[in-house]
Amino acid sequence: MTPIAKTTLVLTLVLGVWLPAAAGGGNGALVGESGASAAKGLQATPAKPNGNGIVVRYSIENVPEAGKAVQVELAFSGVADGATATAWFTLDAGLAWAAAAPAELTLRGKAPVRLQLAVVPLSEGIAYLNVFTRQAGADSATAVPVRVGKATPHLRQPGALKAMPDGDKVISVPVP
């Protein structure tokens, strides 16, 4: 291995652990990692093709039970090289934070970032941890389902269908 290749490997390993930890903000626990393992064991969330480019994956530890905290692990990737992006979180009425709500999370560089958040399902059914991301002025939203019991997923009722001045029809969903 050439000296340049060794240096690149060392920097990749160091930055893969250091950058996520330095990403900042929030009361969730940041978990550093290197690139290839970013998606290992995590479920992908749907993303629109013209979104902001940030990929959000998640996993839920154990089987959620009403009234008991459950860990939700989130992984963020796809931050443009040299860019800074942010993520912030809200909960549906069926969930509560197990600790103080996390602040905005800053995502920097291409190194994937993992974050663990603790939420408490309040009753049986499905409630959502809403993950919002912003990069280059574009916002995207992801809803992570936390299912307690045998509830089956169903689509949330979105806002009303509205006609735009150019004739397009859209359903507006407010972003906090």
Protein backbone atom coordinates (compact mmCIF):
# COMPACT_ATOMS: atom_id res chain seq x y z
CA MET A 1 0.00 0.00 0.00
CA THR A 2 1.41 3.40 -0.96
CA PRO A 3 1.91 6.12 1.68
CA ILE A 4 -0.90 8.16 0.07
CA ALA A 5 -3.29 5.19 0.22
CA LYS A 6 -2.37 4.59 3.89
CA THR A 7 -2.97 8.26 4.73
CA THR A 8 -6.30 8.23 2.89
CA LEU A 9 -7.38 5.07 4.73
CA VAL A 10 -6.42 6.51 8.13
CA LEU A 11 -8.17 9.83 7.41
CA THR A 12 -11.28 8.01 6.21
CA LEU A 13 -11.42 5.91 9.37
CA VAL A 14 -10.74 8.88 11.66
CA LEU A 15 -13.19 11.21 9.91
CA GLY A 16 -15.82 8.48 9.73
CA VAL A 17 -15.87 8.41 13.53
CA TRP A 18 -14.98 12.02 14.37
CA LEU A 19 -17.26 13.96 11.98
CA PRO A 20 -20.52 12.36 13.16
CA ALA A 21 -19.58 13.02 16.77
CA ALA A 22 -18.74 16.63 15.92
CA ALA A 23 -21.98 17.09 13.98
CA GLY A 24 -23.44 18.76 17.05
CA GLY A 25 -26.77 19.51 18.67
CA GLY A 26 -29.46 17.46 20.25
CA ASN A 27 -30.03 15.36 23.30
CA GLY A 28 -29.96 12.13 21.32
CA ALA A 29 -26.86 9.96 21.47
CA LEU A 30 -24.67 10.26 18.39
CA VAL A 31 -23.16 7.00 17.20
CA GLY A 32 -20.07 7.36 14.97
CA GLU A 33 -19.46 4.97 12.09
CA SER A 34 -17.61 4.57 8.84
CA GLY A 35 -19.28 4.75 5.42
CA ALA A 36 -20.16 1.21 4.31
CA SER A 37 -21.94 0.23 7.50
CA ALA A 38 -24.28 3.25 7.34
CA ALA A 39 -27.26 1.27 6.14
CA LYS A 40 -26.52 -2.06 7.84
CA GLY A 41 -29.57 -3.22 9.80
CA LEU A 42 -31.54 -0.08 9.07
CA GLN A 43 -34.75 0.32 7.10
CA ALA A 44 -34.86 2.82 4.27
CA THR A 45 -37.56 5.48 4.23
CA PRO A 46 -39.33 6.57 1.06
CA ALA A 47 -37.88 9.67 -0.57
CA LYS A 48 -39.13 11.76 -3.45
CA PRO A 49 -36.78 11.99 -6.43
CA ASN A 50 -36.55 15.78 -6.23
CA GLY A 51 -35.97 15.89 -2.45
CA ASN A 52 -33.02 17.51 -0.72
CA GLY A 53 -30.73 14.46 -1.17
CA ILE A 54 -30.46 13.46 2.47
CA VAL A 55 -31.21 9.77 2.98
CA VAL A 56 -32.84 8.82 6.30
CA ARG A 57 -32.79 5.21 7.51
CA TYR A 58 -34.09 3.89 10.82
CA SER A 59 -34.40 0.93 13.14
CA ILE A 60 -36.41 0.43 16.31
CA GLU A 61 -34.83 -1.60 19.09
CA ASN A 62 -37.00 -4.24 20.76
CA VAL A 63 -40.77 -4.46 20.45
CA PRO A 64 -42.41 -1.16 21.41
CA GLU A 65 -44.79 -1.33 24.40
CA ALA A 66 -47.21 1.34 25.58
CA GLY A 67 -45.72 3.39 28.41
CA LYS A 68 -42.15 2.07 27.96
CA ALA A 69 -39.29 3.94 26.29
CA VAL A 70 -38.04 2.54 23.01
CA GLN A 71 -34.85 3.49 21.17
CA VAL A 72 -35.18 4.68 17.58
CA GLU A 73 -31.89 4.73 15.69
CA LEU A 74 -31.68 7.12 12.77
CA ALA A 75 -28.94 7.26 10.14
CA PHE A 76 -28.42 10.25 7.88
CA SER A 77 -26.36 10.21 4.68
CA GLY A 78 -26.28 12.10 1.40
CA VAL A 79 -25.06 15.47 2.65
CA ALA A 80 -23.39 17.19 -0.30
CA ASP A 81 -19.61 17.50 -0.13
CA GLY A 82 -18.68 20.71 1.69
CA ALA A 83 -22.31 21.44 2.59
CA THR A 84 -24.02 21.76 5.94
CA ALA A 85 -27.47 20.32 6.48
CA THR A 86 -29.81 20.21 9.46
CA ALA A 87 -32.31 17.77 10.91
CA TRP A 88 -35.02 18.35 13.50
CA PHE A 89 -37.73 16.19 15.02
CA THR A 90 -41.37 16.28 16.14
CA LEU A 91 -43.68 13.62 17.55
CA ASP A 92 -47.26 12.69 16.76
CA ALA A 93 -49.75 12.87 19.63
CA GLY A 94 -49.29 9.13 20.35
CA LEU A 95 -45.62 9.52 21.33
CA ALA A 96 -43.72 11.42 24.02
CA TRP A 97 -40.00 12.08 24.44
CA ALA A 98 -38.37 9.84 27.06
CA ALA A 99 -36.02 12.75 27.83
CA ALA A 100 -35.94 16.40 26.79
CA ALA A 101 -36.71 16.90 23.12
CA PRO A 102 -33.53 17.03 21.04
CA ALA A 103 -32.47 20.30 19.46
CA GLU A 104 -31.67 20.71 15.81
CA LEU A 105 -28.90 18.39 14.58
CA THR A 106 -26.23 19.76 12.24
CA LEU A 107 -24.97 17.37 9.57
CA ARG A 108 -21.61 18.14 7.93
CA GLY A 109 -19.62 16.41 5.23
CA LYS A 110 -20.24 13.10 3.54
CA ALA A 111 -19.66 10.91 6.61
CA PRO A 112 -22.91 9.20 7.67
CA VAL A 113 -24.30 10.19 11.07
CA ARG A 114 -26.25 7.91 13.39
CA LEU A 115 -28.43 9.21 16.19
CA GLN A 116 -30.43 7.36 18.86
CA LEU A 117 -33.61 8.94 20.20
CA ALA A 118 -35.77 7.56 23.02
CA VAL A 119 -39.53 7.88 22.65
CA VAL A 120 -42.43 6.53 24.70
CA PRO A 121 -45.53 5.20 22.91
CA LEU A 122 -48.57 6.34 24.91
CA SER A 123 -51.02 3.66 23.74
CA GLU A 124 -51.52 0.85 21.25
CA GLY A 125 -51.54 1.81 17.60
CA ILE A 126 -49.12 3.53 15.27
CA ALA A 127 -47.62 6.94 15.95
CA TYR A 128 -44.86 8.68 14.03
CA LEU A 129 -41.52 10.24 14.84
CA ASN A 130 -41.31 13.00 12.22
CA VAL A 131 -37.84 13.72 10.87
CA PHE A 132 -37.32 16.93 8.91
CA THR A 133 -34.12 17.67 6.99
CA ARG A 134 -32.90 20.79 5.22
CA GLN A 135 -30.06 21.05 2.73
CA ALA A 136 -29.34 23.88 0.29
CA GLY A 137 -32.65 25.53 1.18
CA ALA A 138 -34.73 22.43 0.35
CA ASP A 139 -36.75 20.68 3.07
CA SER A 140 -37.77 17.03 3.20
CA ALA A 141 -39.91 15.16 5.72
CA THR A 142 -39.82 11.53 6.80
CA ALA A 143 -42.27 9.77 9.14
CA VAL A 144 -40.82 6.88 11.15
CA PRO A 145 -43.64 4.58 12.34
CA VAL A 146 -43.59 3.31 15.93
CA ARG A 147 -46.09 0.46 16.14
CA VAL A 148 -47.48 -0.88 19.42
CA GLY A 149 -49.66 -3.97 19.28
CA LYS A 150 -51.12 -5.39 16.09
CA ALA A 151 -52.25 -2.12 14.54
CA THR A 152 -51.98 -1.98 10.77
CA PRO A 153 -50.57 1.06 9.03
CA HIS A 154 -52.93 3.43 7.32
CA LEU A 155 -52.35 6.68 5.53
CA ARG A 156 -52.64 9.78 7.62
CA GLN A 157 -55.24 12.24 6.47
CA PRO A 158 -53.31 14.98 4.74
CA GLY A 159 -54.45 18.54 4.23
CA ALA A 160 -57.03 19.48 1.65
CA LEU A 161 -56.30 19.24 -2.06
CA LYS A 162 -55.58 22.74 -3.37
CA ALA A 163 -55.28 24.05 -6.91
CA MET A 164 -52.18 26.15 -7.55
CA PRO A 165 -52.29 29.21 -9.87
CA ASP A 166 -50.55 27.21 -12.61
CA GLY A 167 -53.24 24.49 -12.40
CA ASP A 168 -51.23 21.89 -10.47
CA LYS A 169 -53.06 20.24 -7.60
CA VAL A 170 -51.14 19.82 -4.33
CA ILE A 171 -51.75 18.64 -0.79
CA SER A 172 -50.00 21.01 1.58
CA VAL A 173 -48.31 19.55 4.67
CA PRO A 174 -46.93 22.14 7.09
CA VAL A 175 -43.28 21.79 8.11
CA PRO A 176 -42.61 22.99 11.66
